Amino acid sequence: MKNHLLNTSYFDKDLPKTDANYTPLSPLSFLERAAKVFPTHTAIIHGSIRRSYKEFYERSIRLASALSQRGIGKNDCVSVMLTNTPPMLEAHYGVPMAGAVLHALNTRLDAAIIAFQLDHAESKLVIVDREFSKVMTEALELATVKPTVVLYDDKEFPQSAPAIGELEYEELIASGSTDFQRQLPDDEWDAITLNYTSGTTGNPKGVVYHHRGAYLLAQANIITAAMGKKPVYLWTLPMFHCNGWCFPWSLSLVAGTHVCLRQVRQGPIWNALADEKVTHLCGAPIVMSTLLNTPEDQKRKLTHEVEFFTAAAPPPEAVLAAMAEEGFNVTHLYGLTEVYGPAVVNEWHEHWDELPTSEQAALKARQGVNYVALQDLAVLNPQTMQPVPADGETIGEVMFKGNVVMKGYLKNPSATQEAFAGGWFHSGDLGVQHEDGYVQLKDRSKDIIISGGENISSIEIEEVLYKHPEISAAAVVARPDDKWGETPCAFVELKENSSVTETDIVAYCKEHLASFKSPRTVVFTDLPKTSTGKIQKFVLREKAKALA
């Protein structure tokens, strides 16, 4: 034993970390390399604007310099209220290049929640798109902090809202110097960004990302998406959502082109796909619906296959088939804000292509296996912390472990400790593990419907509803019931000119589900959605309570 200890110590003795052999990991290095190797290649497209990697890097350095001149440095928070425009990309590099932490605000938030986030983050400076000047003015009046306000006035797509702020974004950029020595983190554990959870109950929690996690997830995106050199990426996913799943950093790795999209609209999406030869895009299922429901005279014929990465609810079989017919290959991802966005992928096996379409759809509906950057993914019993049987039936909680799990919740040690109990991040999602190791979600813990003592998965009912030919969207929640405790309540969006009735829907469900799992109530309505296209079940739960 003594000799063993002495031998292992040789690998540490007189072999320290130095500037020559150790640099903390940070995605900031990706842009610097792209600017050196591919200086003239187009990095950003926005309307008529075409910016090279050299320009992208220089503008990001100028932003960092301008922030530093205003006293903003390590661990200071810079908030941005921006759409998918060039300043949002520049902020993902320029803000942390100054040592500061980027806080991207959800552009659909109300003034009270914005004010809460600004105060909680102790924001020192805010960059706001003119489109959101009204709500930001209201938020700043409510907030205790008094940050410097910078206005971004998008000349490519002018906005009519009143101007606010002490200076304009281009003035801020012009005040910075390209000679500024950008900062890399002292420690790769240093914070790089702050993202807030949706806050469906109480105030949202601030999720802190570190440089190491952002570096690794950005690389994992490239591997997962099989991105070769110089892909063209269309921004249908909001960059405020988990920092655009880290793709603002990923694209610099492979000298890709960012095609900015101020609004997710049918015509502009199809034009960008065809004209810019887009190779990749991401989004919630609502983006697929937007693409597929485009009038034929606005669609463009694609001459190449486009990779589409989707998260949230698994795509129904009919949607997958329609996407393939239009030229899209859909890959199902899964993750949460706390794991930098996507951390699980439905890795596809070639021999699955030989299976019947229905079986392929069932396989595609599974969330999948861990990203290469995620150390471990498991379905555990939350009481015993032991793995559930890999039988595709036994439900447990989906848990994560590894370098792409958040640092924790800002100023909330109790929530952080609870989330990391037992050495795993507890997702709150309930799922099963199949024999081949693939994970499949069954519900959020709060979305399980307990009817007459039986657990009913809302996702299972939704999968049946989505297969109905006249239903375009559906969500199922629990409705309080005096006899059963809870019963399934389905909220349904019908396709145009549909005449289907509640009786028809219930009968259809009973054909495909056990009777006790079928909805007792069906409500036809437009489903409330978040800015990222997720259905707001908390709104529907309140409506279901009112019905009871």
Protein backbone atom coordinates (compact mmCIF):
# COMPACT_ATOMS: atom_id res chain seq x y z
CA MET A 1 0.00 0.00 0.00
CA LYS A 2 2.83 2.38 0.89
CA ASN A 3 4.57 1.85 -2.46
CA HIS A 4 1.27 2.35 -4.26
CA LEU A 5 0.76 5.74 -2.58
CA LEU A 6 4.31 6.78 -3.39
CA ASN A 7 3.92 5.78 -7.04
CA THR A 8 0.70 7.71 -7.51
CA SER A 9 2.22 10.82 -5.92
CA TYR A 10 4.83 10.94 -8.71
CA PHE A 11 2.09 12.07 -11.08
CA ASP A 12 1.42 15.12 -8.94
CA LYS A 13 4.84 16.06 -7.60
CA ASP A 14 6.40 19.05 -9.40
CA LEU A 15 3.65 18.91 -12.06
CA PRO A 16 1.53 21.98 -11.27
CA LYS A 17 -1.05 23.79 -13.36
CA THR A 18 0.57 26.74 -15.11
CA ASP A 19 -0.43 29.29 -17.73
CA ALA A 20 1.37 27.10 -20.25
CA ASN A 21 -0.61 23.90 -19.60
CA TYR A 22 -3.97 24.92 -18.16
CA THR A 23 -6.70 27.31 -19.24
CA PRO A 24 -10.20 27.30 -17.75
CA LEU A 25 -12.74 26.09 -20.30
CA SER A 26 -14.92 28.83 -21.77
CA PRO A 27 -16.96 29.11 -24.99
CA LEU A 28 -15.55 32.62 -25.45
CA SER A 29 -12.51 31.02 -27.08
CA PHE A 30 -14.69 29.67 -29.92
CA LEU A 31 -15.41 33.09 -31.43
CA GLU A 32 -11.80 34.22 -31.20
CA ARG A 33 -10.68 31.13 -33.12
CA ALA A 34 -13.40 31.51 -35.77
CA ALA A 35 -12.38 35.14 -36.33
CA LYS A 36 -8.74 34.10 -36.82
CA VAL A 37 -9.37 31.10 -39.07
CA PHE A 38 -12.45 32.27 -41.02
CA PRO A 39 -12.35 36.10 -40.76
CA THR A 40 -14.29 36.79 -43.96
CA HIS A 41 -16.90 34.03 -43.64
CA THR A 42 -20.43 35.26 -42.97
CA ALA A 43 -21.25 34.84 -39.30
CA ILE A 44 -24.55 36.74 -39.04
CA ILE A 45 -27.41 37.48 -41.42
CA HIS A 46 -30.11 39.93 -40.36
CA GLY A 47 -32.26 41.46 -43.07
CA SER A 48 -29.80 43.13 -45.44
CA ILE A 49 -26.97 42.92 -42.87
CA ARG A 50 -24.15 40.46 -43.54
CA ARG A 51 -21.43 40.41 -40.88
CA SER A 52 -18.21 38.40 -41.06
CA TYR A 53 -16.60 36.56 -38.17
CA LYS A 54 -13.99 39.31 -37.95
CA GLU A 55 -16.74 41.90 -37.54
CA PHE A 56 -18.66 39.70 -35.09
CA TYR A 57 -15.57 39.32 -32.90
CA GLU A 58 -14.61 42.99 -33.07
CA ARG A 59 -18.11 44.16 -32.15
CA SER A 60 -18.20 41.73 -29.22
CA ILE A 61 -14.83 43.04 -28.00
CA ARG A 62 -16.10 46.61 -28.33
CA LEU A 63 -19.16 45.70 -26.27
CA ALA A 64 -16.95 44.20 -23.56
CA SER A 65 -14.75 47.30 -23.62
CA ALA A 66 -17.73 49.66 -23.40
CA LEU A 67 -19.14 47.74 -20.44
CA SER A 68 -15.77 47.79 -18.69
CA GLN A 69 -15.51 51.56 -19.19
CA ARG A 70 -18.81 51.87 -17.32
CA GLY A 71 -17.47 49.96 -14.35
CA ILE A 72 -19.06 46.61 -15.20
CA GLY A 73 -16.84 43.65 -14.45
CA LYS A 74 -16.67 40.23 -12.83
CA ASN A 75 -20.00 38.91 -11.57
CA ASP A 76 -21.89 42.08 -12.46
CA CYS A 77 -25.16 41.30 -14.20
CA VAL A 78 -26.10 42.70 -17.62
CA SER A 79 -29.74 42.11 -18.58
CA VAL A 80 -31.00 42.12 -22.16
CA MET A 81 -34.54 42.35 -23.51
CA LEU A 82 -33.90 41.39 -27.11
CA THR A 83 -35.33 39.28 -29.89
CA ASN A 84 -33.17 37.05 -32.10
CA THR A 85 -31.08 39.89 -33.50
CA PRO A 86 -27.32 40.55 -33.84
CA PRO A 87 -27.01 42.35 -30.46
CA MET A 88 -28.28 39.21 -28.73
CA LEU A 89 -25.47 37.19 -30.31
CA GLU A 90 -22.91 39.87 -29.47
CA ALA A 91 -24.14 39.90 -25.85
CA HIS A 92 -23.45 36.17 -25.51
CA TYR A 93 -19.77 36.95 -26.05
CA GLY A 94 -19.27 40.61 -25.15
CA VAL A 95 -20.89 40.48 -21.72
CA PRO A 96 -18.81 37.55 -20.37
CA MET A 97 -15.73 38.94 -22.16
CA ALA A 98 -16.03 41.80 -19.65
CA GLY A 99 -16.23 39.24 -16.85
CA ALA A 100 -19.91 39.95 -16.35
CA VAL A 101 -22.92 37.61 -16.30
CA LEU A 102 -25.53 37.71 -19.09
CA HIS A 103 -29.21 37.66 -18.08
CA ALA A 104 -31.49 37.24 -21.11
CA LEU A 105 -35.07 38.23 -20.30
CA ASN A 106 -38.07 36.41 -21.74
CA THR A 107 -39.60 39.02 -24.06
CA ARG A 108 -43.16 38.02 -23.15
CA LEU A 109 -42.89 38.67 -19.43
CA ASP A 110 -45.02 41.28 -17.69
CA ALA A 111 -43.54 44.32 -15.94
CA ALA A 112 -43.82 42.90 -12.41
CA ILE A 113 -41.85 39.72 -13.20
CA ILE A 114 -39.24 41.70 -15.15
CA ALA A 115 -38.83 44.03 -12.17
CA PHE A 116 -38.42 41.05 -9.84
CA GLN A 117 -35.70 39.57 -12.05
CA LEU A 118 -33.83 42.86 -12.42
CA ASP A 119 -33.80 43.30 -8.63
CA HIS A 120 -32.95 39.67 -7.88
CA ALA A 121 -30.10 39.73 -10.41
CA GLU A 122 -28.97 43.21 -9.26
CA SER A 123 -28.71 44.28 -12.89
CA LYS A 124 -26.16 47.01 -13.62
CA LEU A 125 -27.08 47.63 -17.26
CA VAL A 126 -30.03 46.73 -19.47
CA ILE A 127 -30.09 46.55 -23.27
CA VAL A 128 -33.67 46.76 -24.52
CA ASP A 129 -35.13 46.44 -27.99
CA ARG A 130 -37.35 49.38 -28.85
CA GLU A 131 -40.28 46.97 -29.34
CA PHE A 132 -40.29 46.34 -25.58
CA SER A 133 -39.69 49.89 -24.36
CA LYS A 134 -43.17 50.27 -22.85
CA VAL A 135 -43.07 47.16 -20.64
CA MET A 136 -39.45 47.84 -19.71
CA THR A 137 -40.31 51.41 -18.67
CA GLU A 138 -43.03 50.03 -16.40
CA ALA A 139 -40.65 47.40 -15.02
CA LEU A 140 -37.93 49.95 -14.27
CA GLU A 141 -40.43 52.08 -12.36
CA LEU A 142 -41.29 49.04 -10.21
CA ALA A 143 -37.70 47.86 -9.74
CA THR A 144 -35.46 48.95 -6.90
CA VAL A 145 -32.28 48.76 -9.00
CA LYS A 146 -31.51 51.62 -11.36
CA PRO A 147 -29.43 50.15 -14.19
CA THR A 148 -28.04 52.04 -17.15
CA VAL A 149 -30.54 51.63 -20.00
CA VAL A 150 -29.33 51.13 -23.58
CA LEU A 151 -31.81 51.17 -26.49
CA TYR A 152 -31.45 48.86 -29.48
CA ASP A 153 -33.21 50.43 -32.45
CA ASP A 154 -33.43 47.79 -35.19
CA LYS A 155 -33.00 49.71 -38.45
CA GLU A 156 -33.70 46.58 -40.51
CA PHE A 157 -37.14 46.17 -38.93
CA PRO A 158 -38.10 49.58 -37.45
CA GLN A 159 -40.36 49.64 -34.39
CA SER A 160 -42.81 52.42 -33.57
CA ALA A 161 -42.63 52.23 -29.77
CA PRO A 162 -41.22 55.22 -27.88
CA ALA A 163 -37.45 55.43 -27.43
CA ILE A 164 -36.03 54.99 -23.92
CA GLY A 165 -32.59 54.86 -22.38
CA GLU A 166 -29.48 56.94 -21.93
CA LEU A 167 -27.84 55.94 -25.21
CA GLU A 168 -28.38 53.74 -28.23
CA TYR A 169 -26.74 50.37 -28.71
CA GLU A 170 -24.60 51.47 -31.66
CA GLU A 171 -23.31 54.38 -29.57
CA LEU A 172 -22.37 51.89 -26.85
CA ILE A 173 -20.51 49.72 -29.37
CA ALA A 174 -18.74 52.73 -30.90
CA SER A 175 -17.51 53.82 -27.46
CA GLY A 176 -15.61 50.56 -26.98
CA SER A 177 -12.15 49.66 -28.23
CA THR A 178 -10.99 46.67 -30.28
CA ASP A 179 -7.75 46.77 -28.26
CA PHE A 180 -9.60 45.68 -25.12
CA GLN A 181 -8.10 42.57 -23.54
CA ARG A 182 -11.05 40.23 -23.26
CA GLN A 183 -11.31 38.33 -20.03
CA LEU A 184 -11.43 34.58 -19.72
CA PRO A 185 -12.73 33.26 -16.41
CA ASP A 186 -10.30 32.81 -13.52
CA ASP A 187 -12.12 29.56 -12.87
CA GLU A 188 -14.29 27.64 -15.34
CA TRP A 189 -16.81 27.35 -12.48
CA ASP A 190 -17.37 31.14 -12.75
CA ALA A 191 -20.89 32.17 -13.78
CA ILE A 192 -21.43 32.99 -17.45
CA THR A 193 -25.21 33.44 -17.65
CA LEU A 194 -28.36 33.63 -15.53
CA ASN A 195 -31.66 32.17 -16.73
CA TYR A 196 -34.94 32.25 -14.85
CA THR A 197 -37.40 29.39 -14.68
CA SER A 198 -40.95 30.06 -15.80
CA GLY A 199 -42.19 30.63 -12.27
CA THR A 200 -45.60 29.02 -12.67
CA THR A 201 -45.94 29.04 -8.88
CA GLY A 202 -44.40 31.89 -6.91
CA ASN A 203 -41.39 33.85 -8.10
CA PRO A 204 -39.14 32.31 -10.77
CA LYS A 205 -35.82 30.79 -9.70
CA GLY A 206 -32.54 32.08 -11.13
CA VAL A 207 -30.56 29.25 -12.75
CA VAL A 208 -26.82 29.95 -12.87
CA TYR A 209 -24.69 28.52 -15.71
CA HIS A 210 -20.89 28.26 -15.56
CA HIS A 211 -18.31 28.59 -18.33
CA ARG A 212 -17.40 24.89 -18.20
CA GLY A 213 -20.97 23.75 -18.73
CA ALA A 214 -21.55 26.20 -21.58
CA TYR A 215 -18.31 25.08 -23.26
CA LEU A 216 -19.21 21.40 -23.04
CA LEU A 217 -22.88 21.72 -24.03
CA ALA A 218 -21.94 23.89 -27.02
CA GLN A 219 -19.57 21.17 -28.22
CA ALA A 220 -22.12 18.44 -27.52
CA ASN A 221 -24.63 20.26 -29.72
CA ILE A 222 -22.25 20.02 -32.66
CA ILE A 223 -21.76 16.29 -32.09
CA THR A 224 -25.46 15.61 -31.54
CA ALA A 225 -26.54 17.64 -34.56
CA ALA A 226 -23.75 16.18 -36.71
CA MET A 227 -22.87 19.71 -37.80
CA GLY A 228 -20.08 19.78 -40.34
CA LYS A 229 -18.12 22.87 -41.26
CA LYS A 230 -20.07 26.06 -41.95
CA PRO A 231 -23.67 25.01 -41.28
CA VAL A 232 -26.46 27.58 -41.66
CA TYR A 233 -28.63 27.87 -38.56
CA LEU A 234 -32.04 29.57 -38.52
CA TRP A 235 -33.04 31.19 -35.23
CA THR A 236 -36.61 29.98 -34.69
CA LEU A 237 -35.71 29.12 -31.09
CA PRO A 238 -35.68 32.17 -28.77
CA MET A 239 -32.14 32.97 -27.67
CA PHE A 240 -33.51 34.00 -24.28
CA HIS A 241 -34.55 30.36 -23.74
CA CYS A 242 -31.62 28.57 -22.04
CA ASN A 243 -29.30 30.86 -24.02
CA GLY A 244 -30.69 29.40 -27.22
CA TRP A 245 -29.74 25.92 -25.99
CA CYS A 246 -26.10 27.17 -26.15
CA PHE A 247 -26.18 27.35 -29.98
CA PRO A 248 -24.94 31.00 -29.96
CA TRP A 249 -21.63 29.50 -28.84
CA SER A 250 -21.90 26.24 -30.82
CA LEU A 251 -21.96 27.90 -34.24
CA SER A 252 -18.56 29.55 -33.72
CA LEU A 253 -17.00 26.09 -33.29
CA VAL A 254 -17.76 25.21 -36.90
CA ALA A 255 -17.83 28.71 -38.44
CA GLY A 256 -21.57 28.45 -38.93
CA THR A 257 -23.86 31.21 -40.12
CA HIS A 258 -26.54 32.60 -37.80
CA VAL A 259 -29.69 33.58 -39.70
CA CYS A 260 -31.54 35.90 -37.35
CA LEU A 261 -35.32 35.86 -37.28
CA ARG A 262 -37.00 38.66 -35.45
CA GLN A 263 -40.38 36.93 -35.43
CA VAL A 264 -41.41 33.34 -36.07
CA ARG A 265 -43.61 33.90 -39.11
CA GLN A 266 -44.42 31.45 -41.89
CA GLY A 267 -43.28 33.43 -44.93
CA PRO A 268 -39.93 34.62 -43.52
CA ILE A 269 -39.11 31.12 -42.25
CA TRP A 270 -39.69 29.47 -45.62
CA ASN A 271 -37.84 32.24 -47.46
CA ALA A 272 -34.84 31.86 -45.17
CA LEU A 273 -34.87 28.08 -45.53
CA ALA A 274 -34.78 28.32 -49.31
CA ASP A 275 -32.75 31.49 -49.93
CA GLU A 276 -30.08 31.04 -47.26
CA LYS A 277 -29.89 27.25 -47.65
CA VAL A 278 -30.55 26.70 -43.96
CA THR A 279 -29.27 23.34 -42.70
CA HIS A 280 -30.42 23.34 -39.05
CA LEU A 281 -33.09 24.82 -36.81
CA CYS A 282 -34.61 24.10 -33.42
CA GLY A 283 -37.95 24.72 -31.80
CA ALA A 284 -40.95 23.50 -29.87
CA PRO A 285 -43.70 21.54 -31.67
CA ILE A 286 -45.50 24.83 -32.37
CA VAL A 287 -42.73 25.69 -34.85
CA MET A 288 -43.44 22.47 -36.74
CA SER A 289 -47.13 23.38 -36.81
CA THR A 290 -46.22 26.82 -38.14
CA LEU A 291 -44.19 25.25 -40.95
CA LEU A 292 -46.75 22.62 -41.89
CA ASN A 293 -49.77 24.95 -41.76
CA THR A 294 -48.21 27.53 -44.07
CA PRO A 295 -50.42 28.26 -47.10
CA GLU A 296 -49.05 26.51 -50.17
CA ASP A 297 -48.41 29.79 -51.97
CA GLN A 298 -45.98 30.81 -49.18
CA LYS A 299 -44.08 27.53 -49.00
CA ARG A 300 -40.80 27.13 -50.87
CA LYS A 301 -39.46 23.95 -52.41
CA LEU A 302 -36.39 22.78 -50.50
CA THR A 303 -33.57 21.25 -52.50
CA HIS A 304 -31.81 19.88 -49.43
CA GLU A 305 -32.76 18.05 -46.21
CA VAL A 306 -33.03 20.26 -43.13
CA GLU A 307 -32.30 19.00 -39.62
CA PHE A 308 -35.00 20.01 -37.15
CA PHE A 309 -34.43 19.53 -33.42
CA THR A 310 -37.49 19.66 -31.21
CA ALA A 311 -38.08 19.39 -27.49
CA ALA A 312 -41.13 19.38 -25.20
CA ALA A 313 -43.95 17.04 -26.22
CA PRO A 314 -43.04 14.14 -28.54
CA PRO A 315 -44.15 14.80 -32.12
CA PRO A 316 -47.23 12.81 -33.19
CA GLU A 317 -46.77 10.24 -35.95
CA ALA A 318 -48.72 12.31 -38.48
CA VAL A 319 -46.55 15.39 -37.82
CA LEU A 320 -43.32 13.41 -38.25
CA ALA A 321 -44.55 12.04 -41.56
CA ALA A 322 -45.61 15.48 -42.78
CA MET A 323 -42.26 17.02 -41.77
CA ALA A 324 -40.38 14.30 -43.66
CA GLU A 325 -42.50 14.94 -46.74
CA GLU A 326 -41.59 18.65 -46.60
CA GLY A 327 -37.86 17.85 -46.36
CA PHE A 328 -37.16 17.90 -42.60
CA ASN A 329 -35.48 15.22 -40.50
CA VAL A 330 -36.81 15.57 -36.95
CA THR A 331 -34.74 14.65 -33.89
CA HIS A 332 -36.33 14.60 -30.45
CA LEU A 333 -34.40 16.25 -27.59
CA TYR A 334 -35.19 16.68 -23.93
CA GLY A 335 -33.85 18.86 -21.15
CA LEU A 336 -34.60 21.67 -18.75
CA THR A 337 -33.32 25.15 -17.99
CA GLU A 338 -31.27 23.59 -15.17
CA VAL A 339 -29.27 21.46 -17.65
CA TYR A 340 -28.48 24.20 -20.21
CA GLY A 341 -31.40 23.20 -22.42
CA PRO A 342 -31.05 19.87 -24.25
CA ALA A 343 -29.13 17.16 -22.39
CA VAL A 344 -30.92 14.06 -23.70
CA VAL A 345 -31.25 12.96 -27.32
CA ASN A 346 -33.21 10.26 -29.11
CA GLU A 347 -30.20 8.69 -30.83
CA TRP A 348 -31.53 7.00 -33.95
CA HIS A 349 -30.35 3.54 -35.06
CA GLU A 350 -30.21 2.87 -38.79
CA HIS A 351 -31.94 -0.50 -38.54
CA TRP A 352 -35.00 1.28 -37.09
CA ASP A 353 -35.57 2.70 -40.58
CA GLU A 354 -36.73 -0.76 -41.65
CA LEU A 355 -39.54 -0.83 -39.08
CA PRO A 356 -43.17 0.07 -39.89
CA THR A 357 -43.94 3.78 -39.65
CA SER A 358 -46.04 3.37 -36.50
CA GLU A 359 -43.17 1.60 -34.71
CA GLN A 360 -40.72 4.28 -35.83
CA ALA A 361 -43.03 6.96 -34.44
CA ALA A 362 -43.21 5.13 -31.10
CA LEU A 363 -39.41 5.01 -30.96
CA LYS A 364 -39.10 8.68 -31.92
CA ALA A 365 -41.49 9.63 -29.11
CA ARG A 366 -38.94 8.49 -26.52
CA GLN A 367 -36.72 11.17 -25.02
CA GLY A 368 -33.63 8.99 -25.37
CA VAL A 369 -30.17 8.80 -23.82
CA ASN A 370 -27.72 11.25 -22.27
CA TYR A 371 -25.85 13.84 -24.33
CA VAL A 372 -22.13 13.14 -24.58
CA ALA A 373 -21.53 16.08 -22.19
CA LEU A 374 -23.87 14.67 -19.54
CA GLN A 375 -22.24 12.17 -17.19
CA ASP A 376 -25.33 10.20 -16.27
CA LEU A 377 -29.09 9.99 -16.80
CA ALA A 378 -31.31 7.70 -14.77
CA VAL A 379 -34.87 7.01 -13.71
CA LEU A 380 -34.80 6.61 -9.93
CA ASN A 381 -37.23 6.03 -7.12
CA PRO A 382 -37.08 9.45 -5.40
CA GLN A 383 -37.60 7.90 -1.96
CA THR A 384 -34.91 5.21 -2.17
CA MET A 385 -32.75 6.83 -4.88
CA GLN A 386 -32.45 3.39 -6.49
CA PRO A 387 -32.99 2.76 -10.23
CA VAL A 388 -36.44 1.56 -11.23
CA PRO A 389 -36.61 -1.64 -13.31
CA ALA A 390 -35.79 -1.03 -16.98
CA ASP A 391 -39.10 -2.51 -18.09
CA GLY A 392 -40.68 0.49 -19.84
CA GLU A 393 -43.49 0.45 -17.28
CA THR A 394 -42.25 1.26 -13.78
CA ILE A 395 -42.43 5.01 -13.22
CA GLY A 396 -39.72 6.94 -11.39
CA GLU A 397 -38.22 10.42 -11.45
CA VAL A 398 -35.82 11.38 -14.24
CA MET A 399 -32.52 12.57 -12.76
CA PHE A 400 -29.31 14.05 -14.15
CA LYS A 401 -25.67 14.16 -13.09
CA GLY A 402 -22.68 15.85 -14.71
CA ASN A 403 -20.95 18.95 -15.97
CA VAL A 404 -23.96 20.38 -17.77
CA VAL A 405 -26.05 20.63 -14.65
CA MET A 406 -26.42 24.20 -13.34
CA LYS A 407 -24.33 25.65 -10.50
CA GLY A 408 -27.58 26.06 -8.61
CA TYR A 409 -30.34 28.58 -7.96
CA LEU A 410 -29.21 32.16 -7.32
CA LYS A 411 -29.68 33.26 -3.67
CA ASN A 412 -31.80 30.18 -2.97
CA PRO A 413 -29.74 27.60 -1.05
CA SER A 414 -32.73 25.59 0.15
CA ALA A 415 -34.05 25.09 -3.40
CA THR A 416 -30.54 24.20 -4.59
CA GLN A 417 -30.06 21.61 -1.84
CA GLU A 418 -33.47 20.11 -2.56
CA ALA A 419 -32.76 19.91 -6.29
CA PHE A 420 -29.40 18.16 -5.67
CA ALA A 421 -30.53 15.80 -2.90
CA GLY A 422 -28.77 12.44 -3.01
CA GLY A 423 -26.11 13.60 -5.47
CA TRP A 424 -28.46 13.90 -8.46
CA PHE A 425 -30.40 16.77 -10.02
CA HIS A 426 -34.09 16.02 -9.55
CA SER A 427 -35.95 17.06 -12.70
CA GLY A 428 -39.50 16.70 -11.37
CA ASP A 429 -40.30 14.75 -14.54
CA LEU A 430 -41.71 11.25 -14.21
CA GLY A 431 -40.70 8.61 -16.70
CA VAL A 432 -39.74 5.03 -17.42
CA GLN A 433 -36.55 3.40 -18.64
CA HIS A 434 -36.73 0.89 -21.46
CA GLU A 435 -34.63 -2.26 -21.69
CA ASP A 436 -32.25 -0.57 -24.14
CA GLY A 437 -31.63 2.27 -21.68
CA TYR A 438 -33.76 4.89 -23.45
CA VAL A 439 -35.80 7.12 -21.16
CA GLN A 440 -39.39 8.08 -21.91
CA LEU A 441 -41.34 10.75 -20.06
CA LYS A 442 -44.73 9.92 -18.67
CA ASP A 443 -45.54 13.19 -16.92
CA ARG A 444 -44.44 16.00 -14.68
CA SER A 445 -44.86 14.98 -11.05
CA LYS A 446 -47.52 17.65 -10.66
CA ASP A 447 -49.33 16.54 -13.84
CA ILE A 448 -50.04 12.95 -12.83
CA ILE A 449 -53.80 12.53 -12.45
CA ILE A 450 -54.82 10.38 -9.48
CA SER A 451 -58.33 9.11 -10.14
CA GLY A 452 -59.88 6.61 -7.76
CA GLY A 453 -56.41 5.76 -6.46
CA GLU A 454 -55.09 5.03 -9.96
CA ASN A 455 -52.22 7.05 -11.48
CA ILE A 456 -53.08 8.31 -14.97
CA SER A 457 -50.45 9.84 -17.26
CA SER A 458 -51.65 13.00 -18.98
CA ILE A 459 -49.04 12.42 -21.70
CA GLU A 460 -50.52 9.01 -22.50
CA ILE A 461 -53.94 10.58 -23.08
CA GLU A 462 -52.43 13.43 -25.10
CA GLU A 463 -50.65 10.97 -27.40
CA VAL A 464 -54.03 9.42 -28.25
CA LEU A 465 -55.67 12.81 -28.78
CA TYR A 466 -52.91 13.94 -31.15
CA LYS A 467 -53.61 10.94 -33.36
CA HIS A 468 -57.20 12.09 -33.94
CA PRO A 469 -57.36 13.44 -37.50
CA GLU A 470 -59.33 16.57 -36.54
CA ILE A 471 -57.26 17.65 -33.51
CA SER A 472 -54.37 20.07 -34.03
CA ALA A 473 -53.29 20.43 -30.38
CA ALA A 474 -54.30 19.01 -27.00
CA ALA A 475 -53.43 19.13 -23.31
CA VAL A 476 -54.81 17.11 -20.42
CA VAL A 477 -54.93 18.13 -16.75
CA ALA A 478 -56.68 16.95 -13.60
CA ARG A 479 -60.18 18.22 -12.84
CA PRO A 480 -61.24 17.94 -9.17
CA ASP A 481 -64.03 15.39 -8.67
CA ASP A 482 -66.05 14.67 -5.52
CA LYS A 483 -66.28 10.96 -6.23
CA TRP A 484 -62.97 10.09 -7.89
CA GLY A 485 -60.73 12.78 -6.44
CA GLU A 486 -59.59 13.79 -9.91
CA THR A 487 -60.61 12.96 -13.47
CA PRO A 488 -58.86 13.73 -16.80
CA CYS A 489 -59.94 16.98 -18.44
CA ALA A 490 -58.88 17.49 -22.07
CA PHE A 491 -58.41 20.92 -23.62
CA VAL A 492 -58.45 20.60 -27.39
CA GLU A 493 -57.74 22.79 -30.43
CA LEU A 494 -59.56 21.56 -33.52
CA LYS A 495 -58.49 21.92 -37.12
CA GLU A 496 -60.31 24.43 -39.26
CA ASN A 497 -63.90 23.53 -40.22
CA SER A 498 -63.99 20.54 -37.87
CA SER A 499 -67.41 19.48 -36.56
CA VAL A 500 -66.23 16.88 -34.04
CA THR A 501 -68.05 16.89 -30.67
CA GLU A 502 -67.12 16.14 -27.07
CA THR A 503 -68.96 12.82 -27.34
CA ASP A 504 -66.91 11.93 -30.43
CA ILE A 505 -63.64 12.69 -28.64
CA VAL A 506 -64.50 10.70 -25.54
CA ALA A 507 -65.61 7.72 -27.65
CA TYR A 508 -62.39 7.90 -29.67
CA CYS A 509 -60.30 7.87 -26.50
CA LYS A 510 -62.17 4.88 -25.10
CA GLU A 511 -61.30 2.98 -28.26
CA HIS A 512 -57.59 3.50 -27.58
CA LEU A 513 -57.36 3.74 -23.79
CA ALA A 514 -58.67 1.98 -20.72
CA SER A 515 -62.03 3.52 -19.87
CA PHE A 516 -60.85 5.03 -16.56
CA LYS A 517 -58.05 6.88 -18.42
CA SER A 518 -60.36 8.51 -20.96
CA PRO A 519 -61.26 12.19 -20.45
CA ARG A 520 -64.48 12.81 -18.57
CA THR A 521 -64.50 16.40 -19.85
CA VAL A 522 -63.47 17.90 -23.19
CA VAL A 523 -63.10 21.66 -23.65
CA PHE A 524 -62.63 23.14 -27.13
CA THR A 525 -60.40 26.21 -26.90
CA ASP A 526 -57.22 27.94 -28.08
CA LEU A 527 -54.47 26.56 -25.86
CA PRO A 528 -52.41 29.10 -23.88
CA LYS A 529 -48.72 28.83 -24.78
CA THR A 530 -45.44 30.26 -23.56
CA SER A 531 -43.11 32.25 -25.80
CA THR A 532 -41.26 29.01 -26.58
CA GLY A 533 -44.45 27.23 -27.64
CA LYS A 534 -45.01 25.14 -24.53
CA ILE A 535 -48.60 24.74 -23.41
CA GLN A 536 -49.23 26.49 -20.09
CA LYS A 537 -50.80 23.72 -18.09
CA PHE A 538 -50.98 25.82 -14.95
CA VAL A 539 -53.51 28.05 -16.75
CA LEU A 540 -55.52 25.00 -17.78
CA ARG A 541 -55.45 23.61 -14.24
CA GLU A 542 -57.12 26.78 -13.00
CA LYS A 543 -59.75 26.49 -15.73
CA ALA A 544 -60.36 22.85 -14.80
CA LYS A 545 -60.80 23.84 -11.16
CA ALA A 546 -63.33 26.48 -12.19
CA LEU A 547 -65.26 23.86 -14.16
CA ALA A 548 -65.48 21.72 -11.03
